[in-house]
Protein backbone atom coordinates (compact mmCIF):
# COMPACT_ATOMS: atom_id res chain seq x y z
CA UNK A 1 223.80 -28.82 159.88
CA UNK A 2 220.73 -28.56 156.95
CA UNK A 3 222.89 -26.26 154.98
CA UNK A 4 225.75 -29.22 154.75
CA UNK A 5 223.53 -32.20 154.11
CA UNK A 6 221.74 -29.60 151.67
CA UNK A 7 224.34 -29.30 149.96
CA UNK A 8 225.86 -32.50 150.55
CA UNK A 9 222.52 -34.45 148.46
CA UNK A 10 222.03 -31.91 145.88
CA UNK A 11 224.36 -28.95 146.11
CA UNK A 12 222.52 -26.69 143.44
CA UNK A 13 219.51 -26.49 146.46
CA UNK A 14 221.83 -25.17 148.63
CA UNK A 15 223.18 -22.68 146.84
CA UNK A 16 219.28 -21.39 145.75
CA UNK A 17 217.87 -21.52 149.11
CA UNK A 18 221.10 -20.37 151.06
CA UNK A 19 223.89 -19.43 148.94
CA UNK A 20 224.04 -16.78 146.10
CA UNK A 21 221.80 -18.45 142.86
CA UNK A 22 222.63 -15.39 140.73
CA UNK A 23 226.45 -16.21 140.77
CA UNK A 24 227.14 -20.58 141.30
CA UNK A 25 223.98 -21.93 141.22
CA UNK A 26 223.78 -22.33 137.71
CA UNK A 27 227.84 -24.38 137.17
CA UNK A 28 227.16 -26.46 140.53
CA UNK A 29 223.18 -27.52 138.59
CA UNK A 30 225.41 -28.62 135.86
CA UNK A 31 228.03 -30.72 137.79
CA UNK A 32 225.36 -32.03 140.05
CA UNK A 33 223.79 -33.24 136.94
CA UNK A 34 226.54 -34.32 134.96
CA UNK A 35 226.66 -36.27 138.22
CA UNK A 36 223.36 -38.16 138.07
CA UNK A 37 223.96 -38.96 134.98
CA UNK A 38 227.10 -41.00 135.58
CA UNK A 39 226.44 -42.94 138.25
CA UNK A 40 223.17 -43.57 136.06
CA UNK A 41 224.75 -44.45 133.45
CA UNK A 42 227.94 -46.33 135.13
CA UNK A 43 225.41 -48.80 137.25
CA UNK A 44 223.15 -49.85 134.93
CA UNK A 45 225.46 -50.95 132.09
CA UNK A 46 228.56 -51.71 134.78
CA UNK A 47 230.69 -49.02 134.04
CA UNK A 48 233.72 -48.76 136.77
CA UNK A 49 234.89 -45.98 135.08
CA UNK A 50 231.63 -43.21 135.07
CA UNK A 51 230.39 -44.41 138.01
CA UNK A 52 233.66 -42.92 139.68
CA UNK A 53 232.99 -39.84 137.96
CA UNK A 54 230.16 -39.96 139.25
CA UNK A 55 231.74 -39.84 142.66
CA UNK A 56 233.55 -37.28 141.77
CA UNK A 57 231.84 -35.24 139.72
CA UNK A 58 228.87 -35.03 143.22
CA UNK A 59 232.11 -34.28 145.46
CA UNK A 60 233.15 -31.65 143.63
CA UNK A 61 229.50 -29.88 142.99
CA UNK A 62 228.99 -30.46 147.61
CA UNK A 63 231.86 -28.85 148.39
CA UNK A 64 231.32 -26.24 145.99
CA UNK A 65 228.57 -25.57 147.60
CA UNK A 66 229.31 -26.20 150.22
CA UNK A 67 232.82 -23.46 150.18
CA UNK A 68 229.73 -20.92 148.19
CA UNK A 69 227.78 -21.08 151.57
CA UNK A 70 230.74 -20.10 153.67
CA UNK A 71 231.48 -17.17 151.44
CA UNK A 72 227.84 -16.10 151.60
CA UNK A 73 228.41 -17.49 155.60
CA UNK A 74 231.13 -15.01 156.67
CA UNK A 75 229.44 -12.07 154.21
CA UNK A 76 225.83 -11.92 155.79
CA UNK A 77 228.48 -12.03 159.40
CA UNK A 78 230.53 -9.41 158.03
CA UNK A 79 233.78 -11.27 159.51
CA UNK A 80 237.22 -10.07 158.85
CA UNK A 81 238.39 -11.89 155.64
CA UNK A 82 234.81 -11.83 154.40
CA UNK A 83 234.40 -9.97 150.59
CA UNK A 84 231.96 -6.94 152.84
CA UNK A 85 234.94 -6.15 154.65
CA UNK A 86 237.32 -5.19 151.66
CA UNK A 87 235.67 -3.53 149.39
CA UNK A 88 236.55 -0.58 147.70
CA UNK A 89 235.07 2.39 148.01
CA UNK A 90 235.62 4.50 145.08
CA UNK A 91 236.26 7.77 144.96
CA UNK A 92 234.05 10.51 144.65
CA UNK A 93 236.24 13.30 142.80
CA UNK A 94 237.30 10.42 139.63
CA UNK A 95 234.55 10.83 137.48
CA UNK A 96 235.70 8.49 134.96
CA UNK A 97 238.45 5.97 135.99
CA UNK A 98 239.72 5.82 131.96
CA UNK A 99 240.39 9.20 131.34
CA UNK A 100 244.12 9.39 132.30
CA UNK A 101 244.33 6.69 129.66
CA UNK A 102 242.35 8.03 126.73
CA UNK A 103 244.98 10.94 127.15
CA UNK A 104 247.93 9.25 126.97
CA UNK A 105 247.13 8.92 123.46
């Protein structure tokens, strides 16, 4: 519940605390800061369009953060649908994967 609430109130903070920081914290932060700027502009000037845009950007950032948190949780628990369960292990006999392509030229 704490993760979901944090993902809704401050999506970048939720990703930094519980998720994949290097992957998505910056883009989620951009959406969230744009939402804050649009909301401040819309509410201070009475612009309905800017307010709606701010709410939409906030919802996108919150949904994105929640999806990241769900993916990290899935990888941690190593469920069937996690990316950790579907990793391709490189073969040891294959030293250079592009060698075949280079040999053709």
